[in-house]
C-alpha atoms as a PDB file:
ATOM      1  CA  MET A   1      17.256   8.717 -14.944  1.00  0.00           C
ATOM      2  CA  SER A   2      14.919  11.598 -15.652  1.00  0.00           C
ATOM      3  CA  GLY A   3      14.391  12.392 -19.299  1.00  0.00           C
ATOM      4  CA  VAL A   4      16.427   9.445 -20.607  1.00  0.00           C
ATOM      5  CA  GLY A   5      14.545   6.642 -22.302  1.00  0.00           C
ATOM      6  CA  PRO A   6      15.641   3.122 -23.199  1.00  0.00           C
ATOM      7  CA  GLY A   7      18.756   3.146 -25.333  1.00  0.00           C
ATOM      8  CA  GLY A   8      19.873   6.556 -24.035  1.00  0.00           C
ATOM      9  CA  GLY A   9      17.451   8.620 -26.140  1.00  0.00           C
ATOM     10  CA  PRO A  10      14.921  11.075 -24.784  1.00  0.00           C
ATOM     11  CA  ALA A  11      12.015   9.582 -22.886  1.00  0.00           C
ATOM     12  CA  SER A  12       8.462  10.204 -23.921  1.00  0.00           C
ATOM     13  CA  PRO A  13       6.231  11.708 -21.215  1.00  0.00           C
ATOM     14  CA  GLY A  14       4.950   9.042 -18.870  1.00  0.00           C
ATOM     15  CA  SER A  15       6.949   6.283 -20.543  1.00  0.00           C
ATOM     16  CA  ALA A  16       8.786   5.060 -17.486  1.00  0.00           C
ATOM     17  CA  HIS A  17       8.423   5.246 -13.759  1.00  0.00           C
ATOM     18  CA  PRO A  18      11.393   4.780 -11.406  1.00  0.00           C
ATOM     19  CA  SER A  19       9.566   2.074  -9.420  1.00  0.00           C
ATOM     20  CA  ALA A  20       7.980   0.320 -12.395  1.00  0.00           C
ATOM     21  CA  GLY A  21       9.269  -3.092 -11.420  1.00  0.00           C
ATOM     22  CA  GLY A  22      13.001  -2.982 -11.989  1.00  0.00           C
ATOM     23  CA  GLY A  23      16.111  -2.168 -10.067  1.00  0.00           C
ATOM     24  CA  ARG A  24      16.368  -2.518  -6.323  1.00  0.00           C
ATOM     25  CA  PHE A  25      12.579  -2.740  -5.833  1.00  0.00           C
ATOM     26  CA  ALA A  26      12.281  -5.934  -7.914  1.00  0.00           C
ATOM     27  CA  LEU A  27      12.849  -8.048  -4.786  1.00  0.00           C
ATOM     28  CA  PHE A  28       9.580  -9.699  -3.661  1.00  0.00           C
ATOM     29  CA  GLY A  29       7.632  -7.824  -6.354  1.00  0.00           C
ATOM     30  CA  LEU A  30       7.914  -4.482  -4.567  1.00  0.00           C
ATOM     31  CA  GLY A  31       8.364  -2.507  -7.796  1.00  0.00           C
ATOM     32  CA  THR A  32       4.897  -3.269  -9.117  1.00  0.00           C
ATOM     33  CA  SER A  33       3.394  -2.930  -5.627  1.00  0.00           C
ATOM     34  CA  LEU A  34       4.547   0.685  -5.402  1.00  0.00           C
ATOM     35  CA  HIS A  35       3.692   1.686  -8.989  1.00  0.00           C
ATOM     36  CA  VAL A  36       0.155   3.133  -8.766  1.00  0.00           C
ATOM     37  CA  SER A  37      -1.741   6.035 -10.317  1.00  0.00           C
ATOM     38  CA  SER A  38      -3.975   8.710  -8.822  1.00  0.00           C
ATOM     39  CA  PRO A  39      -7.208   7.167 -10.178  1.00  0.00           C
ATOM     40  CA  TYR A  40      -6.141   3.829  -8.702  1.00  0.00           C
ATOM     41  CA  VAL A  41      -5.570   5.422  -5.291  1.00  0.00           C
ATOM     42  CA  ARG A  42      -8.980   7.123  -5.383  1.00  0.00           C
ATOM     43  CA  SER A  43     -10.721   3.882  -6.357  1.00  0.00           C
ATOM     44  CA  LYS A  44      -8.834   1.823  -3.778  1.00  0.00           C
ATOM     45  CA  LEU A  45      -9.580   4.300  -0.975  1.00  0.00           C
ATOM     46  CA  ALA A  46     -13.261   4.232  -1.962  1.00  0.00           C
ATOM     47  CA  LEU A  47     -13.127   0.429  -1.891  1.00  0.00           C
ATOM     48  CA  LEU A  48     -11.519   0.439   1.559  1.00  0.00           C
ATOM     49  CA  ALA A  49     -13.975   3.037   2.900  1.00  0.00           C
ATOM     50  CA  THR A  50     -17.101   1.326   1.562  1.00  0.00           C
ATOM     51  CA  PRO A  51     -16.455  -2.407   1.174  1.00  0.00           C
ATOM     52  CA  TRP A  52     -20.186  -3.137   1.411  1.00  0.00           C
ATOM     53  CA  ALA A  53     -21.040  -1.111  -1.699  1.00  0.00           C
ATOM     54  CA  ARG A  54     -22.524  -3.221  -4.461  1.00  0.00           C
ATOM     55  CA  ARG A  55     -20.288  -1.705  -7.124  1.00  0.00           C
ATOM     56  CA  TRP A  56     -17.288  -3.882  -6.159  1.00  0.00           C
ATOM     57  CA  THR A  57     -16.832  -7.338  -7.682  1.00  0.00           C
ATOM     58  CA  TYR A  58     -13.742  -8.410  -5.680  1.00  0.00           C
ATOM     59  CA  THR A  59     -12.317 -10.476  -8.530  1.00  0.00           C
ATOM     60  CA  ARG A  60      -8.728  -9.973  -9.582  1.00  0.00           C
ATOM     61  CA  VAL A  61      -7.930  -9.191 -13.203  1.00  0.00           C
ATOM     62  CA  ARG A  62      -5.575 -11.563 -14.989  1.00  0.00           C
ATOM     63  CA  GLU A  63      -2.958 -10.414 -17.472  1.00  0.00           C
ATOM     64  CA  VAL A  64      -3.617 -11.317 -21.073  1.00  0.00           C
ATOM     65  CA  GLY A  65      -1.671 -14.461 -21.898  1.00  0.00           C
ATOM     66  CA  ALA A  66       0.312 -15.137 -25.045  1.00  0.00           C
ATOM     67  CA  GLY A  67      -2.708 -16.775 -26.709  1.00  0.00           C
ATOM     68  CA  GLY A  68      -4.944 -13.765 -25.996  1.00  0.00           C
ATOM     69  CA  GLY A  69      -6.748 -15.440 -23.104  1.00  0.00           C
ATOM     70  CA  GLY A  70      -6.852 -14.180 -19.529  1.00  0.00           C
ATOM     71  CA  ALA A  71      -4.875 -17.122 -18.143  1.00  0.00           C
ATOM     72  CA  GLY A  72      -1.717 -15.195 -17.276  1.00  0.00           C
ATOM     73  CA  PRO A  73      -0.646 -13.987 -13.854  1.00  0.00           C
ATOM     74  CA  TYR A  74      -2.656 -11.382 -11.984  1.00  0.00           C
ATOM     75  CA  ALA A  75      -2.459  -7.797 -13.226  1.00  0.00           C
ATOM     76  CA  PRO A  76      -0.382  -5.340 -11.165  1.00  0.00           C
ATOM     77  CA  PRO A  77      -2.057  -2.612  -9.081  1.00  0.00           C
ATOM     78  CA  ALA A  78      -1.613  -0.053 -11.856  1.00  0.00           C
ATOM     79  CA  ARG A  79      -4.214  -1.964 -13.919  1.00  0.00           C
ATOM     80  CA  ASP A  80      -6.361  -3.676 -11.249  1.00  0.00           C
ATOM     81  CA  VAL A  81      -8.015  -1.942  -8.300  1.00  0.00           C
ATOM     82  CA  HIS A  82      -8.332  -5.280  -6.487  1.00  0.00           C
ATOM     83  CA  ALA A  83      -4.618  -6.037  -6.638  1.00  0.00           C
ATOM     84  CA  PRO A  84      -2.792  -5.472  -3.359  1.00  0.00           C
ATOM     85  CA  ASP A  85      -0.352  -2.572  -3.367  1.00  0.00           C
ATOM     86  CA  LEU A  86       2.125  -1.281  -0.812  1.00  0.00           C
ATOM     87  CA  TYR A  87       1.705   2.414  -1.619  1.00  0.00           C
ATOM     88  CA  ILE A  88      -1.582   2.979   0.235  1.00  0.00           C
ATOM     89  CA  PRO A  89      -0.632   1.009   3.399  1.00  0.00           C
ATOM     90  CA  LEU A  90       2.790   2.692   3.491  1.00  0.00           C
ATOM     91  CA  MET A  91       1.309   6.184   3.166  1.00  0.00           C
ATOM     92  CA  ALA A  92      -1.366   5.342   5.760  1.00  0.00           C
ATOM     93  CA  ALA A  93       1.232   4.064   8.222  1.00  0.00           C
ATOM     94  CA  LEU A  94       3.389   7.168   7.795  1.00  0.00           C
ATOM     95  CA  THR A  95       0.319   9.422   8.057  1.00  0.00           C
ATOM     96  CA  THR A  96      -0.678   7.708  11.299  1.00  0.00           C
ATOM     97  CA  ALA A  97       2.793   8.262  12.745  1.00  0.00           C
ATOM     98  CA  LEU A  98       2.829  11.922  11.640  1.00  0.00           C
ATOM     99  CA  LEU A  99      -0.640  12.555  13.082  1.00  0.00           C
ATOM    100  CA  ARG A 100       0.507  11.091  16.387  1.00  0.00           C
ATOM    101  CA  GLY A 101       3.413  13.539  16.259  1.00  0.00           C
ATOM    102  CA  VAL A 102       1.045  16.430  15.472  1.00  0.00           C
ATOM    103  CA  ALA A 103      -1.148  15.399  18.401  1.00  0.00           C
ATOM    104  CA  ALA A 104       1.916  15.460  20.652  1.00  0.00           C
ATOM    105  CA  VAL A 105       2.770  18.964  19.409  1.00  0.00           C
ATOM    106  CA  ALA A 106      -0.778  20.130  20.116  1.00  0.00           C
ATOM    107  CA  ALA A 107      -0.556  18.689  23.625  1.00  0.00           C
ATOM    108  CA  GLY A 108       2.840  20.346  24.180  1.00  0.00           C
ATOM    109  CA  LYS A 109       4.545  16.978  24.762  1.00  0.00           C
ATOM    110  CA  PHE A 110       6.485  16.595  21.526  1.00  0.00           C
ATOM    111  CA  SER A 111      10.027  15.302  21.345  1.00  0.00           C
ATOM    112  CA  PRO A 112      11.834  13.475  18.545  1.00  0.00           C
ATOM    113  CA  ASP A 113      11.510  10.317  20.615  1.00  0.00           C
ATOM    114  CA  THR A 114       7.718  10.657  20.395  1.00  0.00           C
ATOM    115  CA  LEU A 115       7.816  10.559  16.609  1.00  0.00           C
ATOM    116  CA  ALA A 116      10.352   7.715  16.591  1.00  0.00           C
ATOM    117  CA  ALA A 117       8.143   5.712  18.950  1.00  0.00           C
ATOM    118  CA  ALA A 118       5.113   6.371  16.731  1.00  0.00           C
ATOM    119  CA  VAL A 119       6.913   5.208  13.585  1.00  0.00           C
ATOM    120  CA  SER A 120       8.361   2.102  15.227  1.00  0.00           C
ATOM    121  CA  GLY A 121       5.009   1.295  16.831  1.00  0.00           C
ATOM    122  CA  VAL A 122       3.094   1.537  13.563  1.00  0.00           C
ATOM    123  CA  PHE A 123       5.581  -0.614  11.683  1.00  0.00           C
ATOM    124  CA  SER A 124       5.813  -3.128  14.557  1.00  0.00           C
ATOM    125  CA  VAL A 125       2.046  -3.623  14.480  1.00  0.00           C
ATOM    126  CA  TRP A 126       2.230  -4.013  10.697  1.00  0.00           C
ATOM    127  CA  ALA A 127       4.975  -6.650  11.054  1.00  0.00           C
ATOM    128  CA  LEU A 128       2.983  -8.563  13.698  1.00  0.00           C
ATOM    129  CA  HIS A 129      -0.117  -8.480  11.508  1.00  0.00           C
ATOM    130  CA  THR A 130       1.931  -9.754   8.554  1.00  0.00           C
ATOM    131  CA  ALA A 131       3.322 -12.601  10.658  1.00  0.00           C
ATOM    132  CA  ALA A 132      -0.176 -13.502  11.855  1.00  0.00           C
ATOM    133  CA  LEU A 133      -1.527 -13.568   8.283  1.00  0.00           C
ATOM    134  CA  LYS A 134       1.402 -15.621   7.006  1.00  0.00           C
ATOM    135  CA  GLY A 135       0.976 -18.006   9.961  1.00  0.00           C
ATOM    136  CA  ALA A 136      -2.742 -18.380   9.245  1.00  0.00           C
ATOM    137  CA  LEU A 137      -1.978 -19.112   5.596  1.00  0.00           C
ATOM    138  CA  TRP A 138       0.630 -21.659   6.646  1.00  0.00           C
ATOM    139  CA  ALA A 139      -1.865 -23.335   9.009  1.00  0.00           C
ATOM    140  CA  LEU A 140      -4.364 -23.568   6.156  1.00  0.00           C
ATOM    141  CA  GLY A 141      -1.725 -25.019   3.845  1.00  0.00           C
ATOM    142  CA  ALA A 142      -1.801 -22.034   1.506  1.00  0.00           C
ATOM    143  CA  ALA A 143       1.385 -20.242   2.530  1.00  0.00           C
ATOM    144  CA  ALA A 144       3.047 -20.760  -0.851  1.00  0.00           C
ATOM    145  CA  ALA A 145       0.011 -19.461  -2.759  1.00  0.00           C
ATOM    146  CA  ALA A 146       0.388 -15.856  -1.588  1.00  0.00           C
ATOM    147  CA  PRO A 147       3.575 -13.919  -2.385  1.00  0.00           C
ATOM    148  CA  LEU A 148       5.133 -12.113   0.559  1.00  0.00           C
ATOM    149  CA  ALA A 149       4.571  -8.665  -0.982  1.00  0.00           C
ATOM    150  CA  GLU A 150       0.835  -9.352  -1.226  1.00  0.00           C
ATOM    151  CA  VAL A 151       0.625 -10.593   2.364  1.00  0.00           C
ATOM    152  CA  VAL A 152       2.485  -7.484   3.570  1.00  0.00           C
ATOM    153  CA  ALA A 153       0.123  -5.285   1.548  1.00  0.00           C
ATOM    154  CA  PHE A 154      -3.012  -6.976   2.876  1.00  0.00           C
ATOM    155  CA  ALA A 155      -1.662  -6.719   6.427  1.00  0.00           C
ATOM    156  CA  GLY A 156      -1.095  -2.975   5.950  1.00  0.00           C
ATOM    157  CA  TYR A 157      -4.593  -2.030   4.813  1.00  0.00           C
ATOM    158  CA  PRO A 158      -5.911  -1.686   8.399  1.00  0.00           C
ATOM    159  CA  ALA A 159      -3.470   1.228   8.721  1.00  0.00           C
ATOM    160  CA  VAL A 160      -5.800   3.191   6.408  1.00  0.00           C
ATOM    161  CA  HIS A 161      -8.546   2.997   9.007  1.00  0.00           C
ATOM    162  CA  GLY A 162      -6.011   3.753  11.731  1.00  0.00           C
ATOM    163  CA  ALA A 163      -4.942   6.906   9.906  1.00  0.00           C
ATOM    164  CA  ALA A 164      -8.580   7.951   9.522  1.00  0.00           C
ATOM    165  CA  ALA A 165      -9.174   7.382  13.229  1.00  0.00           C
ATOM    166  CA  CYS A 166      -6.087   9.433  14.119  1.00  0.00           C
ATOM    167  CA  ALA A 167      -7.277  12.253  11.835  1.00  0.00           C
ATOM    168  CA  VAL A 168     -10.723  12.275  13.463  1.00  0.00           C
ATOM    169  CA  ARG A 169      -9.178  12.284  16.922  1.00  0.00           C
ATOM    170  CA  ALA A 170      -6.768  15.084  15.991  1.00  0.00           C
ATOM    171  CA  ALA A 171      -9.658  17.142  14.583  1.00  0.00           C
ATOM    172  CA  ALA A 172     -11.692  16.559  17.746  1.00  0.00           C
ATOM    173  CA  ASP A 173      -8.784  17.588  19.959  1.00  0.00           C
ATOM    174  CA  TRP A 174      -8.341  20.879  18.068  1.00  0.00           C
ATOM    175  CA  ARG A 175     -11.823  22.159  18.754  1.00  0.00           C
ATOM    176  CA  VAL A 176     -11.823  25.628  20.252  1.00  0.00           C
END
């Protein structure tokens, strides 16, 4: 896949990304949810860290329709900082699990089961939060309005704050 563009010719730099919406990640819109850039990640983390800042508008960007208007579907995360993505929650969940493993190493209580329990615990909480959000949407009669990938992404954003809390705790435990 690397270096080969459409039609078998050489690919131009930055022309395609393996998770750009096709292949096995196309199910539930996961391909576009994982396709993000570094500036997007920086902006999204700033948005999550300071939601009260007046620089955020909280309106989603629409894709340009065929007639040139903005009446198309919402833009993917690569072009809209307010679009939900799965990259940041996934990395935050894995970082939380790894920091729990590092804390266990520092305490001298590490075993592979500790890391497995951390990973399964983080993803179990994420799944319960997703179910609660989907249930709340269903109770409000808006369950069909939100795609599953977006609900999963929104349910995973609290993991960012969990990872930050784990990092602060790990730094406090390492004081000399």
